Amino acid sequence: MTVDGAEVELNEFTQRFLANILMGAVSSLKGVKPSWKRLQIELEMSPRG
């Protein structure tokens, strides 16, 4: 995982945890084939205030 250009290491538990959450969310979306292979996410936070 990369945050503001810096690599952040994730232990195996955290990797599996995040992967399972994302796989469940994506698999439940209409129009996503059950055979999907790759997920790419990029988030940009808006300024808080």
PDB file of N, CA and C in Angstrom:
ATOM      1  N   MET A   1       0.861  -1.154   0.000  1.00  0.00           N
ATOM      2  CA  MET A   1       0.000   0.000   0.000  1.00  0.00           C
ATOM      3  C   MET A   1       0.910   1.220   0.000  1.00  0.00           C
ATOM      4  N   THR A   2       0.497   2.247  -0.711  1.00  0.00           N
ATOM      5  CA  THR A   2       1.252   3.490  -0.788  1.00  0.00           C
ATOM      6  C   THR A   2       0.393   4.629  -0.261  1.00  0.00           C
ATOM      7  N   VAL A   3       0.945   5.421   0.644  1.00  0.00           N
ATOM      8  CA  VAL A   3       0.244   6.577   1.202  1.00  0.00           C
ATOM      9  C   VAL A   3       1.114   7.804   0.968  1.00  0.00           C
ATOM     10  N   ASP A   4       0.592   8.750   0.205  1.00  0.00           N
ATOM     11  CA  ASP A   4       1.330   9.976  -0.151  1.00  0.00           C
ATOM     12  C   ASP A   4       2.717   9.657  -0.705  1.00  0.00           C
ATOM     13  N   GLY A   5       2.784   8.608  -1.519  1.00  0.00           N
ATOM     14  CA  GLY A   5       4.033   8.236  -2.175  1.00  0.00           C
ATOM     15  C   GLY A   5       4.947   7.362  -1.340  1.00  0.00           C
ATOM     16  N   ALA A   6       4.621   7.135  -0.078  1.00  0.00           N
ATOM     17  CA  ALA A   6       5.458   6.307   0.793  1.00  0.00           C
ATOM     18  C   ALA A   6       4.849   4.908   0.910  1.00  0.00           C
ATOM     19  N   GLU A   7       5.691   3.912   0.727  1.00  0.00           N
ATOM     20  CA  GLU A   7       5.258   2.531   0.845  1.00  0.00           C
ATOM     21  C   GLU A   7       4.978   2.204   2.313  1.00  0.00           C
ATOM     22  N   VAL A   8       3.822   1.594   2.562  1.00  0.00           N
ATOM     23  CA  VAL A   8       3.438   1.186   3.914  1.00  0.00           C
ATOM     24  C   VAL A   8       3.312  -0.334   3.912  1.00  0.00           C
ATOM     25  N   GLU A   9       4.114  -0.998   4.731  1.00  0.00           N
ATOM     26  CA  GLU A   9       4.075  -2.457   4.778  1.00  0.00           C
ATOM     27  C   GLU A   9       2.863  -2.921   5.560  1.00  0.00           C
ATOM     28  N   LEU A  10       2.230  -3.972   5.039  1.00  0.00           N
ATOM     29  CA  LEU A  10       1.084  -4.576   5.708  1.00  0.00           C
ATOM     30  C   LEU A  10       1.451  -6.003   6.073  1.00  0.00           C
ATOM     31  N   ASN A  11       1.151  -6.398   7.316  1.00  0.00           N
ATOM     32  CA  ASN A  11       1.420  -7.785   7.683  1.00  0.00           C
ATOM     33  C   ASN A  11       0.389  -8.689   7.003  1.00  0.00           C
ATOM     34  N   GLU A  12       0.604  -9.994   7.091  1.00  0.00           N
ATOM     35  CA  GLU A  12      -0.251 -10.943   6.374  1.00  0.00           C
ATOM     36  C   GLU A  12      -1.708 -10.844   6.823  1.00  0.00           C
ATOM     37  N   PHE A  13      -1.950 -10.690   8.120  1.00  0.00           N
ATOM     38  CA  PHE A  13      -3.317 -10.579   8.618  1.00  0.00           C
ATOM     39  C   PHE A  13      -4.022  -9.375   7.999  1.00  0.00           C
ATOM     40  N   THR A  14      -3.356  -8.218   7.985  1.00  0.00           N
ATOM     41  CA  THR A  14      -3.955  -6.997   7.442  1.00  0.00           C
ATOM     42  C   THR A  14      -4.183  -7.127   5.941  1.00  0.00           C
ATOM     43  N   GLN A  15      -3.260  -7.749   5.232  1.00  0.00           N
ATOM     44  CA  GLN A  15      -3.432  -7.963   3.795  1.00  0.00           C
ATOM     45  C   GLN A  15      -4.669  -8.812   3.523  1.00  0.00           C
ATOM     46  N   ARG A  16      -4.821  -9.927   4.251  1.00  0.00           N
ATOM     47  CA  ARG A  16      -5.978 -10.797   4.049  1.00  0.00           C
ATOM     48  C   ARG A  16      -7.272 -10.104   4.461  1.00  0.00           C
ATOM     49  N   PHE A  17      -7.225  -9.356   5.554  1.00  0.00           N
ATOM     50  CA  PHE A  17      -8.393  -8.635   6.044  1.00  0.00           C
ATOM     51  C   PHE A  17      -8.907  -7.651   4.992  1.00  0.00           C
ATOM     52  N   LEU A  18      -8.010  -6.812   4.482  1.00  0.00           N
ATOM     53  CA  LEU A  18      -8.401  -5.826   3.469  1.00  0.00           C
ATOM     54  C   LEU A  18      -8.848  -6.505   2.175  1.00  0.00           C
ATOM     55  N   ALA A  19      -8.139  -7.542   1.766  1.00  0.00           N
ATOM     56  CA  ALA A  19      -8.496  -8.257   0.536  1.00  0.00           C
ATOM     57  C   ALA A  19      -9.888  -8.858   0.642  1.00  0.00           C
ATOM     58  N   ASN A  20     -10.199  -9.485   1.771  1.00  0.00           N
ATOM     59  CA  ASN A  20     -11.518 -10.108   1.937  1.00  0.00           C
ATOM     60  C   ASN A  20     -12.638  -9.076   1.951  1.00  0.00           C
ATOM     61  N   ILE A  21     -12.414  -7.942   2.598  1.00  0.00           N
ATOM     62  CA  ILE A  21     -13.422  -6.877   2.604  1.00  0.00           C
ATOM     63  C   ILE A  21     -13.676  -6.384   1.180  1.00  0.00           C
ATOM     64  N   LEU A  22     -12.600  -6.101   0.449  1.00  0.00           N
ATOM     65  CA  LEU A  22     -12.743  -5.572  -0.904  1.00  0.00           C
ATOM     66  C   LEU A  22     -13.335  -6.597  -1.857  1.00  0.00           C
ATOM     67  N   MET A  23     -12.929  -7.859  -1.743  1.00  0.00           N
ATOM     68  CA  MET A  23     -13.490  -8.891  -2.613  1.00  0.00           C
ATOM     69  C   MET A  23     -14.987  -9.048  -2.374  1.00  0.00           C
ATOM     70  N   GLY A  24     -15.407  -9.004  -1.129  1.00  0.00           N
ATOM     71  CA  GLY A  24     -16.827  -9.100  -0.824  1.00  0.00           C
ATOM     72  C   GLY A  24     -17.603  -7.920  -1.360  1.00  0.00           C
ATOM     73  N   ALA A  25     -17.060  -6.723  -1.204  1.00  0.00           N
ATOM     74  CA  ALA A  25     -17.740  -5.520  -1.680  1.00  0.00           C
ATOM     75  C   ALA A  25     -17.859  -5.529  -3.206  1.00  0.00           C
ATOM     76  N   VAL A  26     -16.777  -5.839  -3.888  1.00  0.00           N
ATOM     77  CA  VAL A  26     -16.786  -5.830  -5.358  1.00  0.00           C
ATOM     78  C   VAL A  26     -17.695  -6.926  -5.903  1.00  0.00           C
ATOM     79  N   SER A  27     -17.631  -8.097  -5.306  1.00  0.00           N
ATOM     80  CA  SER A  27     -18.436  -9.221  -5.788  1.00  0.00           C
ATOM     81  C   SER A  27     -19.928  -8.959  -5.662  1.00  0.00           C
ATOM     82  N   SER A  28     -20.313  -8.090  -4.753  1.00  0.00           N
ATOM     83  CA  SER A  28     -21.739  -7.817  -4.562  1.00  0.00           C
ATOM     84  C   SER A  28     -22.270  -6.718  -5.481  1.00  0.00           C
ATOM     85  N   LEU A  29     -21.404  -6.083  -6.251  1.00  0.00           N
ATOM     86  CA  LEU A  29     -21.827  -5.000  -7.128  1.00  0.00           C
ATOM     87  C   LEU A  29     -22.482  -5.537  -8.393  1.00  0.00           C
ATOM     88  N   LYS A  30     -23.570  -4.904  -8.811  1.00  0.00           N
ATOM     89  CA  LYS A  30     -24.227  -5.268 -10.060  1.00  0.00           C
ATOM     90  C   LYS A  30     -23.276  -4.978 -11.213  1.00  0.00           C
ATOM     91  N   GLY A  31     -23.251  -5.864 -12.187  1.00  0.00           N
ATOM     92  CA  GLY A  31     -22.443  -5.659 -13.379  1.00  0.00           C
ATOM     93  C   GLY A  31     -21.028  -6.184 -13.263  1.00  0.00           C
ATOM     94  N   VAL A  32     -20.631  -6.659 -12.082  1.00  0.00           N
ATOM     95  CA  VAL A  32     -19.288  -7.231 -11.923  1.00  0.00           C
ATOM     96  C   VAL A  32     -19.397  -8.736 -12.125  1.00  0.00           C
ATOM     97  N   LYS A  33     -18.622  -9.246 -13.070  1.00  0.00           N
ATOM     98  CA  LYS A  33     -18.662 -10.675 -13.382  1.00  0.00           C
ATOM     99  C   LYS A  33     -18.040 -11.466 -12.220  1.00  0.00           C
ATOM    100  N   PRO A  34     -18.593 -12.628 -11.921  1.00  0.00           N
ATOM    101  CA  PRO A  34     -18.031 -13.457 -10.849  1.00  0.00           C
ATOM    102  C   PRO A  34     -16.583 -13.865 -11.120  1.00  0.00           C
ATOM    103  N   SER A  35     -16.166 -13.802 -12.371  1.00  0.00           N
ATOM    104  CA  SER A  35     -14.814 -14.234 -12.744  1.00  0.00           C
ATOM    105  C   SER A  35     -13.799 -13.082 -12.779  1.00  0.00           C
ATOM    106  N   TRP A  36     -14.128 -11.942 -12.143  1.00  0.00           N
ATOM    107  CA  TRP A  36     -13.199 -10.810 -12.178  1.00  0.00           C
ATOM    108  C   TRP A  36     -11.858 -11.228 -11.585  1.00  0.00           C
ATOM    109  N   LYS A  37     -10.777 -10.596 -12.082  1.00  0.00           N
ATOM    110  CA  LYS A  37      -9.424 -11.000 -11.703  1.00  0.00           C
ATOM    111  C   LYS A  37      -8.618  -9.911 -11.009  1.00  0.00           C
ATOM    112  N   ARG A  38      -8.900  -8.656 -11.300  1.00  0.00           N
ATOM    113  CA  ARG A  38      -8.032  -7.587 -10.797  1.00  0.00           C
ATOM    114  C   ARG A  38      -8.883  -6.417 -10.327  1.00  0.00           C
ATOM    115  N   LEU A  39      -8.479  -5.835  -9.208  1.00  0.00           N
ATOM    116  CA  LEU A  39      -9.129  -4.654  -8.648  1.00  0.00           C
ATOM    117  C   LEU A  39      -8.062  -3.604  -8.409  1.00  0.00           C
ATOM    118  N   GLN A  40      -8.306  -2.412  -8.884  1.00  0.00           N
ATOM    119  CA  GLN A  40      -7.364  -1.311  -8.689  1.00  0.00           C
ATOM    120  C   GLN A  40      -8.133  -0.143  -8.101  1.00  0.00           C
ATOM    121  N   ILE A  41      -7.664   0.366  -6.955  1.00  0.00           N
ATOM    122  CA  ILE A  41      -8.347   1.445  -6.261  1.00  0.00           C
ATOM    123  C   ILE A  41      -7.358   2.572  -6.002  1.00  0.00           C
ATOM    124  N   GLU A  42      -7.809   3.787  -6.220  1.00  0.00           N
ATOM    125  CA  GLU A  42      -7.016   4.972  -5.890  1.00  0.00           C
ATOM    126  C   GLU A  42      -7.951   5.940  -5.191  1.00  0.00           C
ATOM    127  N   LEU A  43      -7.576   6.389  -4.002  1.00  0.00           N
ATOM    128  CA  LEU A  43      -8.398   7.306  -3.228  1.00  0.00           C
ATOM    129  C   LEU A  43      -7.647   8.617  -3.036  1.00  0.00           C
ATOM    130  N   GLU A  44      -8.369   9.687  -3.111  1.00  0.00           N
ATOM    131  CA  GLU A  44      -7.794  11.009  -2.796  1.00  0.00           C
ATOM    132  C   GLU A  44      -8.706  11.658  -1.768  1.00  0.00           C
ATOM    133  N   MET A  45      -8.134  11.965  -0.644  1.00  0.00           N
ATOM    134  CA  MET A  45      -8.915  12.548   0.442  1.00  0.00           C
ATOM    135  C   MET A  45      -9.103  14.039   0.189  1.00  0.00           C
ATOM    136  N   SER A  46     -10.313  14.516   0.432  1.00  0.00           N
ATOM    137  CA  SER A  46     -10.552  15.953   0.319  1.00  0.00           C
ATOM    138  C   SER A  46     -10.119  16.617   1.614  1.00  0.00           C
ATOM    139  N   PRO A  47      -9.741  17.879   1.552  1.00  0.00           N
ATOM    140  CA  PRO A  47      -9.327  18.588   2.775  1.00  0.00           C
ATOM    141  C   PRO A  47     -10.432  18.590   3.815  1.00  0.00           C
ATOM    142  N   ARG A  48     -10.045  18.416   5.045  1.00  0.00           N
ATOM    143  CA  ARG A  48     -11.028  18.445   6.126  1.00  0.00           C
ATOM    144  C   ARG A  48     -11.175  19.881   6.621  1.00  0.00           C
ATOM    145  N   GLY A  49     -12.383  20.230   6.979  1.00  0.00           N
ATOM    146  CA  GLY A  49     -12.529  21.580   7.480  1.00  0.00           C
ATOM    147  C   GLY A  49     -13.921  22.093   7.479  1.00  0.00           C
TER     148      GLY A  49
END
